[in-house]
Amino acid sequence: ITLNPKGLANVCHGIMMNPWGLDILPNIKVPALIVCGDQDKDFSPATEYMAQKVPEASKVIIADAGHGVNIDQPRIFESTVLEFLDGLNLGP
């Protein structure tokens, strides 16, 4: 996957100008899985921020993957999500 630099810049600009939702991260009261590819240098700081702000967050970094972790490493992504879901206490 090739990113369009202008498109990426526009997305980043939009996020920085409208930090929608960032203030509610500490109020998320459910387990959250934050997944990042080890080659996703542009969004790695954002995932670290989210992992620190969401009280019950688990962060997983997947090797040999960029921003599209589910595309770059589909089997590892799937097993990571399933393992996370299996670890939730969903009751009887």
Protein backbone atom coordinates (compact mmCIF):
# COMPACT_ATOMS: atom_id res chain seq x y z
CA ILE A 1 0.00 0.00 0.00
CA THR A 2 1.36 3.39 -0.97
CA LEU A 3 0.24 6.41 1.00
CA ASN A 4 -0.48 9.69 -0.71
CA PRO A 5 1.62 12.27 1.20
CA LYS A 6 -0.95 15.04 0.63
CA GLY A 7 -3.76 12.80 1.85
CA LEU A 8 -1.80 11.80 4.95
CA ALA A 9 -0.97 15.44 5.66
CA ASN A 10 -4.66 16.37 5.34
CA VAL A 11 -5.69 13.62 7.76
CA CYS A 12 -3.04 14.65 10.29
CA HIS A 13 -4.02 18.30 9.95
CA GLY A 14 -7.69 17.46 10.50
CA ILE A 15 -6.91 15.45 13.61
CA MET A 16 -4.68 18.15 15.07
CA MET A 17 -7.19 20.91 14.38
CA ASN A 18 -10.16 18.94 15.74
CA PRO A 19 -8.98 16.66 18.54
CA TRP A 20 -12.42 15.05 18.71
CA GLY A 21 -12.72 12.41 21.29
CA LEU A 22 -9.27 12.67 22.80
CA ASP A 23 -10.64 14.13 26.00
CA ILE A 24 -12.98 11.15 26.50
CA LEU A 25 -10.26 8.48 26.32
CA PRO A 26 -9.85 8.32 30.13
CA ASN A 27 -13.61 7.77 30.43
CA ILE A 28 -13.61 4.57 28.38
CA LYS A 29 -14.53 1.92 30.92
CA VAL A 30 -14.20 -1.23 28.83
CA PRO A 31 -11.15 -3.20 27.76
CA ALA A 32 -9.65 -1.83 24.55
CA LEU A 33 -7.15 -3.38 22.18
CA ILE A 34 -4.80 -0.97 20.44
CA VAL A 35 -2.86 -2.53 17.59
CA CYS A 36 0.06 -0.93 15.79
CA GLY A 37 2.49 -2.18 13.18
CA ASP A 38 6.15 -1.81 14.03
CA GLN A 39 6.70 0.02 10.73
CA ASP A 40 3.88 2.52 11.32
CA LYS A 41 6.13 5.31 12.52
CA ASP A 42 3.60 8.04 11.69
CA PHE A 43 0.86 6.72 13.98
CA SER A 44 2.91 4.95 16.64
CA PRO A 45 2.89 8.01 18.94
CA ALA A 46 -0.91 8.21 18.69
CA THR A 47 -1.30 4.57 19.68
CA GLU A 48 1.02 5.10 22.63
CA TYR A 49 -1.03 8.12 23.70
CA MET A 50 -4.26 6.11 23.48
CA ALA A 51 -2.74 3.20 25.40
CA GLN A 52 -1.72 5.56 28.20
CA LYS A 53 -5.06 7.38 28.36
CA VAL A 54 -7.54 4.47 28.14
CA PRO A 55 -7.54 2.84 31.60
CA GLU A 56 -8.06 -0.76 30.42
CA ALA A 57 -6.08 -0.58 27.19
CA SER A 58 -3.79 -3.29 25.93
CA LYS A 59 -1.34 -2.32 23.22
CA VAL A 60 0.15 -4.84 20.81
CA ILE A 61 2.84 -4.05 18.27
CA ILE A 62 2.89 -6.43 15.33
CA ALA A 63 6.18 -7.07 13.55
CA ASP A 64 6.63 -6.52 9.84
CA ALA A 65 3.46 -4.44 9.54
CA GLY A 66 2.67 -0.85 8.72
CA HIS A 67 -0.54 1.12 9.25
CA GLY A 68 -2.68 -1.63 7.67
CA VAL A 69 -1.76 -4.31 10.18
CA ASN A 70 -4.77 -6.43 9.21
CA ILE A 71 -3.61 -6.35 5.60
CA ASP A 72 0.13 -6.72 6.18
CA GLN A 73 -0.13 -9.52 8.75
CA PRO A 74 -3.71 -10.85 8.59
CA ARG A 75 -3.12 -14.11 10.46
CA ILE A 76 -1.19 -12.45 13.29
CA PHE A 77 -3.80 -9.67 13.48
CA GLU A 78 -6.63 -12.21 13.66
CA SER A 79 -4.94 -14.28 16.36
CA THR A 80 -4.15 -11.10 18.34
CA VAL A 81 -7.79 -9.98 18.25
CA LEU A 82 -9.11 -13.45 19.08
CA GLU A 83 -6.68 -13.80 21.99
CA PHE A 84 -7.81 -10.41 23.31
CA LEU A 85 -11.48 -11.38 22.99
CA ASP A 86 -10.88 -14.76 24.62
CA GLY A 87 -9.33 -12.98 27.60
CA LEU A 88 -12.41 -10.88 28.25
CA ASN A 89 -14.71 -11.93 31.06
CA LEU A 90 -18.00 -11.86 29.19
CA GLY A 91 -19.93 -13.89 31.73
CA PRO A 92 -21.81 -17.17 31.26
